[in-house]
Protein backbone atom coordinates (compact mmCIF):
# COMPACT_ATOMS: atom_id res chain seq x y z
CA MET A 1 17.35 -22.54 42.11
CA LYS A 2 15.86 -19.10 42.66
CA CYS A 3 18.63 -17.60 40.49
CA THR A 4 17.83 -19.97 37.62
CA THR A 5 14.13 -19.14 37.82
CA ALA A 6 14.88 -15.42 37.78
CA ILE A 7 17.08 -15.80 34.69
CA ARG A 8 14.40 -17.76 32.88
CA ALA A 9 11.80 -15.12 33.75
CA ALA A 10 14.04 -12.28 32.55
CA LEU A 11 15.18 -13.96 29.33
CA PRO A 12 12.09 -13.36 27.12
CA PRO A 13 11.84 -9.58 27.73
CA VAL A 14 15.61 -9.21 27.30
CA LEU A 15 15.52 -11.03 23.96
CA LEU A 16 12.56 -8.95 22.85
CA ALA A 17 14.40 -5.75 23.77
CA CYS A 18 17.43 -6.87 21.78
CA ILE A 19 15.32 -7.64 18.72
CA LEU A 20 13.61 -4.24 18.91
CA CYS A 21 17.00 -2.54 19.19
CA LEU A 22 18.03 -4.13 15.91
CA VAL A 23 15.48 -1.90 14.17
CA PHE A 24 17.74 1.08 14.81
CA LEU A 25 20.64 -0.73 13.15
CA LEU A 26 18.78 -1.35 9.89
CA PRO A 27 19.77 0.89 6.95
CA LYS A 28 17.45 3.76 6.15
CA HIS A 29 16.67 5.46 2.87
CA ASP A 30 14.54 8.60 2.88
CA LYS A 31 13.79 8.89 -0.86
CA LEU A 32 12.23 6.61 -3.45
CA VAL A 33 14.86 5.03 -5.70
CA GLU A 34 13.66 5.30 -9.30
CA ALA A 35 12.95 2.31 -11.53
CA SER A 36 15.65 1.79 -14.16
CA ILE A 37 13.33 2.00 -17.16
CA SER A 38 12.71 5.09 -19.28
CA PRO A 39 9.22 6.39 -20.08
CA ASP A 40 10.47 7.76 -23.42
CA MET A 41 9.20 5.21 -25.92
CA PRO A 42 10.38 5.80 -29.50
CA LEU A 43 7.60 7.29 -31.64
CA GLY A 44 7.07 7.76 -35.36
CA TYR A 45 9.74 5.79 -37.20
CA ALA A 46 12.43 6.21 -34.53
CA LEU A 47 12.49 2.46 -33.87
CA PRO A 48 13.69 0.91 -37.17
CA GLY A 49 11.08 -1.29 -38.80
CA TRP A 50 8.21 -0.01 -36.64
CA ARG A 51 5.79 2.89 -36.49
CA GLY A 52 5.00 4.11 -32.98
CA VAL A 53 2.07 6.28 -31.89
CA LYS A 54 1.71 7.74 -28.40
CA LEU A 55 -1.40 6.61 -26.51
CA GLN A 56 -3.22 8.12 -23.56
CA GLU A 57 -4.13 5.84 -20.69
CA SER A 58 -7.84 5.08 -20.46
CA GLU A 59 -10.16 6.54 -17.88
CA LEU A 60 -10.56 3.05 -16.42
CA GLU A 61 -6.79 2.71 -15.99
CA ARG A 62 -6.47 6.16 -14.46
CA ASN A 63 -9.35 5.75 -12.01
CA SER A 64 -8.33 2.26 -10.87
CA LEU A 65 -4.87 3.36 -9.70
CA ALA A 66 -3.55 5.96 -7.26
CA ALA A 67 -3.48 9.59 -8.34
CA ASP A 68 0.35 9.76 -8.31
CA THR A 69 0.71 6.77 -10.66
CA ARG A 70 2.57 7.67 -13.89
CA PHE A 71 1.87 6.15 -17.30
CA SER A 72 3.77 5.81 -20.58
CA LYS A 73 1.96 4.10 -23.42
CA ALA A 74 2.40 3.63 -27.18
CA ALA A 75 1.03 1.51 -30.02
CA TYR A 76 3.39 -0.09 -32.53
CA THR A 77 2.79 -1.49 -36.01
CA LYS A 78 5.40 -3.59 -37.82
CA LEU A 79 6.30 -2.13 -41.22
CA ARG A 80 5.97 -4.77 -43.92
CA GLU A 81 9.22 -5.47 -45.74
CA THR A 82 7.56 -7.35 -48.61
CA LEU A 83 3.99 -7.58 -49.94
CA ASP A 84 3.96 -11.28 -49.06
CA GLU A 85 4.71 -10.64 -45.41
CA PRO A 86 1.68 -11.33 -43.17
CA ARG A 87 -0.09 -8.29 -41.82
CA GLY A 88 0.88 -7.82 -38.21
CA PRO A 89 -1.41 -6.75 -35.37
CA GLU A 90 -1.21 -3.47 -33.50
CA ILE A 91 0.91 -3.99 -30.40
CA VAL A 92 0.47 -1.88 -27.28
CA ALA A 93 3.42 -1.26 -24.97
CA SER A 94 2.84 0.34 -21.59
CA ILE A 95 4.88 1.29 -18.54
CA VAL A 96 3.15 2.04 -15.25
CA TYR A 97 5.28 3.69 -12.54
CA SER A 98 4.22 3.18 -8.94
CA GLY A 99 3.47 6.12 -6.69
CA ASN A 100 4.20 6.33 -2.98
CA ASP A 101 1.75 3.51 -2.25
CA MET A 102 2.87 0.49 -4.25
CA ASN A 103 -0.31 -1.51 -3.60
CA ALA A 104 -2.47 1.28 -5.03
CA SER A 105 -0.28 1.90 -8.08
CA ILE A 106 0.64 -1.43 -9.67
CA HIS A 107 -1.62 -4.42 -10.19
CA ARG A 108 -0.98 -7.73 -11.87
CA PRO A 109 -2.91 -8.21 -15.15
CA GLU A 110 -4.28 -11.44 -13.67
CA ARG A 111 -6.19 -9.17 -11.31
CA CYS A 112 -7.18 -6.43 -13.76
CA LEU A 113 -8.01 -8.28 -16.98
CA PRO A 114 -11.02 -10.24 -15.64
CA SER A 115 -12.72 -6.94 -14.80
CA GLN A 116 -12.28 -5.99 -18.46
CA GLY A 117 -14.07 -9.12 -19.70
CA HIS A 118 -11.07 -11.44 -20.16
CA VAL A 119 -11.52 -15.13 -19.38
CA ASP A 120 -9.41 -18.32 -19.49
CA LEU A 121 -6.25 -16.62 -18.22
CA GLN A 122 -3.16 -18.84 -18.43
CA GLY A 123 0.39 -17.76 -17.61
CA ARG A 124 3.88 -19.18 -17.87
CA GLN A 125 7.48 -17.95 -17.68
CA GLU A 126 9.39 -17.43 -20.93
CA ASP A 127 12.91 -16.19 -21.66
CA ILE A 128 13.31 -13.60 -24.42
CA THR A 129 16.72 -12.71 -25.84
CA LEU A 130 17.04 -9.01 -26.62
CA ARG A 131 18.90 -7.50 -29.56
CA ASP A 132 21.77 -6.49 -27.28
CA GLY A 133 22.34 -10.14 -26.35
CA SER A 134 20.89 -9.95 -22.83
CA CYS A 135 18.03 -12.19 -21.73
CA ILE A 136 14.96 -11.34 -19.63
CA THR A 137 12.40 -13.75 -18.19
CA PHE A 138 8.86 -12.50 -18.84
CA THR A 139 5.47 -13.80 -17.77
CA ARG A 140 3.52 -14.75 -20.90
CA LEU A 141 -0.20 -14.40 -20.18
CA THR A 142 -2.92 -15.50 -22.60
CA SER A 143 -6.64 -14.76 -22.31
CA ARG A 144 -9.83 -14.53 -24.33
CA THR A 145 -12.61 -11.97 -24.68
CA PRO A 146 -15.89 -13.60 -25.75
CA GLY A 147 -17.75 -12.01 -28.63
CA ASN A 148 -21.03 -10.49 -27.52
CA THR A 149 -22.38 -9.46 -30.92
CA PRO A 150 -21.59 -10.10 -34.60
CA ASP A 151 -19.88 -6.71 -34.66
CA LYS A 152 -17.70 -7.70 -31.71
CA PRO A 153 -16.21 -11.17 -32.36
CA ALA A 154 -14.25 -13.17 -29.83
CA LEU A 155 -10.53 -12.39 -29.68
CA GLN A 156 -7.49 -14.11 -28.22
CA HIS A 157 -4.94 -11.99 -26.34
CA ILE A 158 -1.23 -12.39 -25.54
CA ASN A 159 0.60 -10.22 -23.01
CA TYR A 160 4.21 -10.32 -21.86
CA TYR A 161 5.09 -8.47 -18.66
CA VAL A 162 7.79 -7.89 -16.05
CA PHE A 163 8.34 -5.66 -13.02
CA VAL A 164 11.36 -3.35 -13.26
CA GLY A 165 12.88 -1.89 -10.11
CA HIS A 166 16.04 0.08 -9.49
CA ASN A 167 18.36 -2.92 -9.67
CA ALA A 168 16.15 -5.90 -10.51
CA ILE A 169 13.82 -7.22 -13.21
CA LEU A 170 11.31 -9.78 -11.97
CA SER A 171 8.60 -11.65 -13.85
CA THR A 172 6.20 -12.44 -11.01
CA HIS A 173 4.26 -10.42 -8.47
CA LEU A 174 5.47 -12.71 -5.66
CA GLY A 175 9.09 -12.32 -6.72
CA ARG A 176 8.74 -8.54 -6.85
CA THR A 177 7.11 -8.46 -3.42
CA LEU A 178 9.84 -10.58 -1.80
CA ARG A 179 12.62 -8.53 -3.43
CA ASP A 180 10.98 -5.30 -2.34
CA MET A 181 10.73 -6.53 1.25
CA SER A 182 14.36 -7.68 1.22
CA ASP A 183 15.66 -4.38 -0.16
CA ARG A 184 13.66 -2.33 2.33
CA VAL A 185 14.77 -4.36 5.36
CA LEU A 186 18.37 -5.27 4.48
CA HIS A 187 19.49 -2.42 2.24
CA GLY A 188 17.20 0.50 3.06
CA TYR A 189 15.90 0.83 -0.50
CA VAL A 190 12.39 2.13 -1.10
CA GLN A 191 12.01 1.37 -4.77
CA ARG A 192 9.65 2.89 -7.31
CA TRP A 193 8.76 -0.19 -9.32
CA ALA A 194 7.51 -0.04 -12.89
CA TYR A 195 5.18 -2.52 -14.55
CA TYR A 196 6.25 -3.11 -18.17
CA GLN A 197 3.74 -4.84 -20.45
CA ILE A 198 3.56 -5.50 -24.19
CA GLY A 199 0.46 -7.13 -25.63
CA THR A 200 -1.67 -7.77 -28.69
CA TYR A 201 -4.52 -9.92 -29.99
CA TRP A 202 -5.24 -12.50 -32.68
CA GLY A 203 -8.12 -14.54 -34.07
CA GLY A 204 -11.70 -13.45 -34.67
CA GLU A 205 -12.05 -11.42 -37.85
CA SER A 206 -8.53 -10.00 -37.53
CA GLY A 207 -7.12 -12.58 -39.91
CA ILE A 208 -4.05 -12.84 -37.67
CA SER A 209 -2.76 -16.17 -36.41
CA GLU A 210 -1.33 -16.84 -32.96
CA GLU A 211 2.08 -17.61 -34.51
CA VAL A 212 2.24 -14.26 -36.32
CA ALA A 213 1.01 -12.32 -33.27
CA ASP A 214 3.47 -14.01 -30.90
CA THR A 215 6.41 -13.63 -33.30
CA GLN A 216 5.69 -9.91 -33.70
CA LEU A 217 5.39 -9.48 -29.93
CA ARG A 218 8.70 -11.15 -29.19
CA ARG A 219 10.41 -9.21 -31.96
CA LEU A 220 9.17 -5.87 -30.64
CA ILE A 221 10.21 -6.79 -27.09
CA SER A 222 13.67 -7.71 -28.36
CA GLU A 223 14.12 -4.44 -30.27
CA LEU A 224 12.33 -1.99 -27.96
CA THR A 225 13.45 -3.08 -24.49
CA PRO A 226 17.24 -2.45 -24.66
CA GLY A 227 16.62 1.24 -25.36
CA LEU A 228 14.35 1.54 -22.31
CA ILE A 229 16.29 -0.37 -19.64
CA ASN A 230 19.16 1.55 -18.03
CA ARG A 231 21.66 -1.22 -17.34
CA ASP A 232 24.24 1.16 -15.85
CA ALA A 233 21.74 2.37 -13.24
CA MET A 234 20.89 -1.22 -12.33
CA LYS A 235 24.51 -1.86 -11.35
CA ASN A 236 24.31 0.72 -8.53
């Protein structure tokens, strides 16, 4: 009886010691593994059918994120093939690379856009087939900025975004967080994630319909993304 009591008393600390020892068996990785997406967006007329212009991140973007966050940003305009073709909106593509502190480097637009005056945010998952035949699930996020003055009419906004890691592309913040935790604990990866977003606007006095804006967005995503994603790196 005394022996059984002693075993029961010793069991919890022994189990705890075993669990703590497992920490030393977990894989370790000393360096950040880079995201498999290139910051080199095609400019000028390098992307057939489009004109790209390099953009500088805003002061608000720079100040709201960690100092070691890296940005790549460009604006694209679809070249009209015929005079009857509807005028397309300017589309902004941006890539934000996390620094050493993920939480201070990458934020979901659902968190950032309200501080910029966006309301009525609604998101859903959508698959987009790229020109190379691959398919990526994006989060499609719509919002609205109310018009404050006659010179600043209300506008509707559409954004598509994903998170790109070293070997994964995920469309939700929760999915990215769970994958990051899994890779750190089970595989020893410390990934530098990138936030990839492409967005535009419609309505107001722009003369652009939602259908035209969304079609142009999906077309640019299809044609731009394959040249940015390094599929070979994602296999490693």
